[in-house]
Amino acid sequence: MAEFLFEDIFKIEKLNPDGKKFDRVSRIEAKSEKFDMFMHLDVNTDVYPMKEGENFSMALSSTLNEDGTPDTGYYTPVNRKTLADNYEYVMQGKLYRISEGSGHGKAEIDASFGGLLMMLKGDPSYFKKYELDQRLFLLIRKGGDDGSSKALSQYEVIIKLSVV
């Protein structure tokens, strides 16, 4: 089984803390339970709605292959299981900044997922596995780590999008 670079349960504290900037994207401000991390994350809420007070499990991985083998960078439609099968919302992107923080002992990583941004801030010891320009997969499922979810199924999302 592949090892995640990071995995924790987050609680959404604020939705669009600086005001809504885009119609289909919301920025969430969330705090993690286990590692006391702070995160800003842009989410396509038209496809994957999220609300204040909601809990979700978030993982970061350098590959979607269950055996941990590196990702080739090419889409290969094969009928095999991947880490994404256990999650509801997956984005692929690149780590573009790693900083030590300013005085409070907090470090920060920043990644872009096709223009949707993530900032993750916390204890510097949790960021030792990251490298600049590293490929990342962000995986989310609602309801914490037990797999329970109130999210829309892929068929409900397709139906909702086709009605609009």
C-alpha atoms as a PDB file:
ATOM      1  CA  MET A   1       0.000   0.000   0.000  1.00  0.00           C
ATOM      2  CA  ALA A   2       1.254   3.478  -0.869  1.00  0.00           C
ATOM      3  CA  GLU A   3       2.258   5.742   1.986  1.00  0.00           C
ATOM      4  CA  PHE A   4       0.711   9.213   2.060  1.00  0.00           C
ATOM      5  CA  LEU A   5       2.928  12.275   2.400  1.00  0.00           C
ATOM      6  CA  PHE A   6       0.249  13.703   4.685  1.00  0.00           C
ATOM      7  CA  GLU A   7      -3.167  12.597   5.939  1.00  0.00           C
ATOM      8  CA  ASP A   8      -5.479  14.169   8.526  1.00  0.00           C
ATOM      9  CA  ILE A   9      -9.068  15.129   9.271  1.00  0.00           C
ATOM     10  CA  PHE A  10      -9.920  18.804   8.830  1.00  0.00           C
ATOM     11  CA  LYS A  11     -12.831  20.903  10.028  1.00  0.00           C
ATOM     12  CA  ILE A  12     -13.934  23.805   7.828  1.00  0.00           C
ATOM     13  CA  GLU A  13     -13.800  26.954   9.962  1.00  0.00           C
ATOM     14  CA  LYS A  14     -14.614  29.533   7.273  1.00  0.00           C
ATOM     15  CA  LEU A  15     -15.831  29.530   3.696  1.00  0.00           C
ATOM     16  CA  ASN A  16     -14.458  32.339   1.492  1.00  0.00           C
ATOM     17  CA  PRO A  17     -12.753  34.265   4.350  1.00  0.00           C
ATOM     18  CA  ASP A  18     -11.796  37.116   1.972  1.00  0.00           C
ATOM     19  CA  GLY A  19     -15.157  37.144   0.158  1.00  0.00           C
ATOM     20  CA  LYS A  20     -16.345  35.113  -2.808  1.00  0.00           C
ATOM     21  CA  LYS A  21     -14.140  35.766  -5.842  1.00  0.00           C
ATOM     22  CA  PHE A  22     -15.368  33.148  -8.347  1.00  0.00           C
ATOM     23  CA  ASP A  23     -18.788  31.642  -9.105  1.00  0.00           C
ATOM     24  CA  ARG A  24     -17.805  27.971  -8.997  1.00  0.00           C
ATOM     25  CA  VAL A  25     -14.832  28.027  -6.637  1.00  0.00           C
ATOM     26  CA  SER A  26     -14.749  28.570  -2.881  1.00  0.00           C
ATOM     27  CA  ARG A  27     -11.723  28.998  -0.648  1.00  0.00           C
ATOM     28  CA  ILE A  28     -11.993  27.014   2.545  1.00  0.00           C
ATOM     29  CA  GLU A  29     -10.119  27.794   5.743  1.00  0.00           C
ATOM     30  CA  ALA A  30      -9.691  24.614   7.767  1.00  0.00           C
ATOM     31  CA  LYS A  31      -7.861  23.283  10.814  1.00  0.00           C
ATOM     32  CA  SER A  32      -6.658  19.697  11.193  1.00  0.00           C
ATOM     33  CA  GLU A  33      -7.415  17.562  14.228  1.00  0.00           C
ATOM     34  CA  LYS A  34      -4.337  15.378  14.615  1.00  0.00           C
ATOM     35  CA  PHE A  35      -1.388  17.502  13.453  1.00  0.00           C
ATOM     36  CA  ASP A  36      -2.750  20.993  14.249  1.00  0.00           C
ATOM     37  CA  MET A  37      -2.284  22.190  10.651  1.00  0.00           C
ATOM     38  CA  PHE A  38      -3.931  25.239   9.119  1.00  0.00           C
ATOM     39  CA  MET A  39      -5.031  25.147   5.469  1.00  0.00           C
ATOM     40  CA  HIS A  40      -6.464  27.397   2.785  1.00  0.00           C
ATOM     41  CA  LEU A  41      -7.778  25.345  -0.132  1.00  0.00           C
ATOM     42  CA  ASP A  42      -9.620  26.329  -3.308  1.00  0.00           C
ATOM     43  CA  VAL A  43     -12.325  23.796  -4.188  1.00  0.00           C
ATOM     44  CA  ASN A  44     -14.629  23.604  -7.200  1.00  0.00           C
ATOM     45  CA  THR A  45     -17.782  23.728  -5.074  1.00  0.00           C
ATOM     46  CA  ASP A  46     -19.948  23.505  -8.182  1.00  0.00           C
ATOM     47  CA  VAL A  47     -18.774  19.884  -8.469  1.00  0.00           C
ATOM     48  CA  TYR A  48     -17.957  19.167  -4.805  1.00  0.00           C
ATOM     49  CA  PRO A  49     -19.998  21.328  -2.392  1.00  0.00           C
ATOM     50  CA  MET A  50     -18.517  22.030   1.046  1.00  0.00           C
ATOM     51  CA  LYS A  51     -19.975  23.863   4.081  1.00  0.00           C
ATOM     52  CA  GLU A  52     -18.699  25.579   7.212  1.00  0.00           C
ATOM     53  CA  GLY A  53     -18.436  23.206  10.171  1.00  0.00           C
ATOM     54  CA  GLU A  54     -18.092  20.151   7.935  1.00  0.00           C
ATOM     55  CA  ASN A  55     -15.326  17.572   8.546  1.00  0.00           C
ATOM     56  CA  PHE A  56     -13.365  15.947   5.761  1.00  0.00           C
ATOM     57  CA  SER A  57     -10.376  13.673   5.395  1.00  0.00           C
ATOM     58  CA  MET A  58      -7.553  15.059   3.251  1.00  0.00           C
ATOM     59  CA  ALA A  59      -4.497  13.215   2.020  1.00  0.00           C
ATOM     60  CA  LEU A  60      -1.503  14.240  -0.085  1.00  0.00           C
ATOM     61  CA  SER A  61       0.343  11.671  -2.162  1.00  0.00           C
ATOM     62  CA  SER A  62       3.002  11.700  -4.872  1.00  0.00           C
ATOM     63  CA  THR A  63       1.277   8.822  -6.682  1.00  0.00           C
ATOM     64  CA  LEU A  64      -2.173   7.293  -7.092  1.00  0.00           C
ATOM     65  CA  ASN A  65      -0.744   3.794  -7.504  1.00  0.00           C
ATOM     66  CA  GLU A  66      -1.710   1.599  -4.553  1.00  0.00           C
ATOM     67  CA  ASP A  67       1.662  -0.161  -4.586  1.00  0.00           C
ATOM     68  CA  GLY A  68       3.466   3.186  -4.281  1.00  0.00           C
ATOM     69  CA  THR A  69       5.174   3.039  -7.676  1.00  0.00           C
ATOM     70  CA  PRO A  70       5.850   6.506  -9.123  1.00  0.00           C
ATOM     71  CA  ASP A  71       3.287   8.060 -11.395  1.00  0.00           C
ATOM     72  CA  THR A  72       4.265   8.173 -15.093  1.00  0.00           C
ATOM     73  CA  GLY A  73       2.655  11.553 -15.721  1.00  0.00           C
ATOM     74  CA  TYR A  74       0.407  10.094 -18.413  1.00  0.00           C
ATOM     75  CA  TYR A  75      -3.243   9.112 -18.133  1.00  0.00           C
ATOM     76  CA  THR A  76      -3.540   5.370 -18.651  1.00  0.00           C
ATOM     77  CA  PRO A  77      -7.146   4.132 -18.552  1.00  0.00           C
ATOM     78  CA  VAL A  78      -6.682   0.691 -17.072  1.00  0.00           C
ATOM     79  CA  ASN A  79      -9.145  -1.253 -14.937  1.00  0.00           C
ATOM     80  CA  ARG A  80      -7.046  -1.269 -11.804  1.00  0.00           C
ATOM     81  CA  LYS A  81      -7.600   0.085  -8.308  1.00  0.00           C
ATOM     82  CA  THR A  82      -5.953   3.341  -7.304  1.00  0.00           C
ATOM     83  CA  LEU A  83      -5.879   5.478  -4.164  1.00  0.00           C
ATOM     84  CA  ALA A  84      -8.482   7.714  -5.827  1.00  0.00           C
ATOM     85  CA  ASP A  85     -11.075   4.913  -5.573  1.00  0.00           C
ATOM     86  CA  ASN A  86     -11.315   5.565  -1.817  1.00  0.00           C
ATOM     87  CA  TYR A  87     -11.897   9.315  -2.179  1.00  0.00           C
ATOM     88  CA  GLU A  88     -14.568  11.574  -3.669  1.00  0.00           C
ATOM     89  CA  TYR A  89     -12.582  14.590  -4.896  1.00  0.00           C
ATOM     90  CA  VAL A  90      -9.070  14.319  -6.353  1.00  0.00           C
ATOM     91  CA  MET A  91      -6.821  17.017  -7.814  1.00  0.00           C
ATOM     92  CA  GLN A  92      -3.361  16.749  -9.361  1.00  0.00           C
ATOM     93  CA  GLY A  93      -0.902  19.603  -9.084  1.00  0.00           C
ATOM     94  CA  LYS A  94       2.560  20.833  -8.235  1.00  0.00           C
ATOM     95  CA  LEU A  95       4.278  22.130  -5.128  1.00  0.00           C
ATOM     96  CA  TYR A  96       5.596  25.598  -5.959  1.00  0.00           C
ATOM     97  CA  ARG A  97       6.744  27.028  -2.603  1.00  0.00           C
ATOM     98  CA  ILE A  98       8.215  25.739   0.655  1.00  0.00           C
ATOM     99  CA  SER A  99       8.893  28.330   3.358  1.00  0.00           C
ATOM    100  CA  GLU A 100      10.119  28.168   6.927  1.00  0.00           C
ATOM    101  CA  GLY A 101       7.616  30.707   8.209  1.00  0.00           C
ATOM    102  CA  SER A 102       8.298  33.819  10.252  1.00  0.00           C
ATOM    103  CA  GLY A 103       9.317  33.433  13.867  1.00  0.00           C
ATOM    104  CA  HIS A 104       6.490  31.245  15.194  1.00  0.00           C
ATOM    105  CA  GLY A 105       8.170  27.966  14.247  1.00  0.00           C
ATOM    106  CA  LYS A 106       5.593  27.320  11.517  1.00  0.00           C
ATOM    107  CA  ALA A 107       6.482  26.203   8.008  1.00  0.00           C
ATOM    108  CA  GLU A 108       4.297  26.474   4.942  1.00  0.00           C
ATOM    109  CA  ILE A 109       3.891  24.697   1.625  1.00  0.00           C
ATOM    110  CA  ASP A 110       1.976  26.053  -1.341  1.00  0.00           C
ATOM    111  CA  ALA A 111       0.676  24.000  -4.261  1.00  0.00           C
ATOM    112  CA  SER A 112      -1.321  24.753  -7.390  1.00  0.00           C
ATOM    113  CA  PHE A 113      -3.839  22.309  -8.796  1.00  0.00           C
ATOM    114  CA  GLY A 114      -4.567  23.779 -12.216  1.00  0.00           C
ATOM    115  CA  GLY A 115      -4.963  27.227 -10.660  1.00  0.00           C
ATOM    116  CA  LEU A 116      -6.810  26.046  -7.548  1.00  0.00           C
ATOM    117  CA  LEU A 117      -4.427  26.832  -4.711  1.00  0.00           C
ATOM    118  CA  MET A 118      -3.568  25.137  -1.425  1.00  0.00           C
ATOM    119  CA  MET A 119      -1.591  26.598   1.467  1.00  0.00           C
ATOM    120  CA  LEU A 120      -0.775  24.205   4.312  1.00  0.00           C
ATOM    121  CA  LYS A 121       0.910  25.605   7.434  1.00  0.00           C
ATOM    122  CA  GLY A 122       2.212  23.791  10.501  1.00  0.00           C
ATOM    123  CA  ASP A 123       5.156  22.252  12.306  1.00  0.00           C
ATOM    124  CA  PRO A 124       8.242  22.143  10.022  1.00  0.00           C
ATOM    125  CA  SER A 125       8.908  18.480  10.873  1.00  0.00           C
ATOM    126  CA  TYR A 126       5.828  17.471   8.818  1.00  0.00           C
ATOM    127  CA  PHE A 127       7.242  19.043   5.649  1.00  0.00           C
ATOM    128  CA  LYS A 128      10.526  17.120   5.352  1.00  0.00           C
ATOM    129  CA  LYS A 129       9.149  14.770   2.659  1.00  0.00           C
ATOM    130  CA  TYR A 130       8.365  17.592   0.226  1.00  0.00           C
ATOM    131  CA  GLU A 131      10.477  18.958  -2.634  1.00  0.00           C
ATOM    132  CA  LEU A 132      10.010  22.026  -4.787  1.00  0.00           C
ATOM    133  CA  ASP A 133       8.200  21.250  -8.094  1.00  0.00           C
ATOM    134  CA  GLN A 134       7.056  17.900  -6.688  1.00  0.00           C
ATOM    135  CA  ARG A 135       3.925  16.416  -8.269  1.00  0.00           C
ATOM    136  CA  LEU A 136       1.112  16.062  -5.717  1.00  0.00           C
ATOM    137  CA  PHE A 137      -2.284  14.435  -5.645  1.00  0.00           C
ATOM    138  CA  LEU A 138      -4.768  15.903  -3.183  1.00  0.00           C
ATOM    139  CA  LEU A 139      -7.513  13.471  -2.157  1.00  0.00           C
ATOM    140  CA  ILE A 140     -10.633  14.415  -0.163  1.00  0.00           C
ATOM    141  CA  ARG A 141     -13.627  12.593   1.243  1.00  0.00           C
ATOM    142  CA  LYS A 142     -16.228  13.971   3.590  1.00  0.00           C
ATOM    143  CA  GLY A 143     -17.042  12.573   6.989  1.00  0.00           C
ATOM    144  CA  GLY A 144     -13.514  12.058   8.294  1.00  0.00           C
ATOM    145  CA  ASP A 145     -11.561   8.849   7.971  1.00  0.00           C
ATOM    146  CA  ASP A 146     -14.375   6.326   8.412  1.00  0.00           C
ATOM    147  CA  GLY A 147     -15.399   6.591   4.756  1.00  0.00           C
ATOM    148  CA  SER A 148     -18.928   7.758   5.585  1.00  0.00           C
ATOM    149  CA  SER A 149     -20.044  10.611   3.413  1.00  0.00           C
ATOM    150  CA  LYS A 150     -22.930  12.836   2.580  1.00  0.00           C
ATOM    151  CA  ALA A 151     -21.348  13.956  -0.675  1.00  0.00           C
ATOM    152  CA  LEU A 152     -23.084  13.632  -4.000  1.00  0.00           C
ATOM    153  CA  SER A 153     -22.365  10.493  -5.984  1.00  0.00           C
ATOM    154  CA  GLN A 154     -20.736  10.927  -9.385  1.00  0.00           C
ATOM    155  CA  TYR A 155     -24.107  10.212 -11.014  1.00  0.00           C
ATOM    156  CA  GLU A 156     -25.854  12.895  -8.954  1.00  0.00           C
ATOM    157  CA  VAL A 157     -23.131  15.387  -9.925  1.00  0.00           C
ATOM    158  CA  ILE A 158     -23.534  14.507 -13.630  1.00  0.00           C
ATOM    159  CA  ILE A 159     -27.308  14.880 -13.380  1.00  0.00           C
ATOM    160  CA  LYS A 160     -27.037  18.223 -11.557  1.00  0.00           C
ATOM    161  CA  LEU A 161     -24.525  19.564 -14.092  1.00  0.00           C
ATOM    162  CA  SER A 162     -26.624  18.434 -17.063  1.00  0.00           C
ATOM    163  CA  VAL A 163     -29.748  20.145 -15.643  1.00  0.00           C
ATOM    164  CA  VAL A 164     -28.004  23.526 -15.323  1.00  0.00           C
END
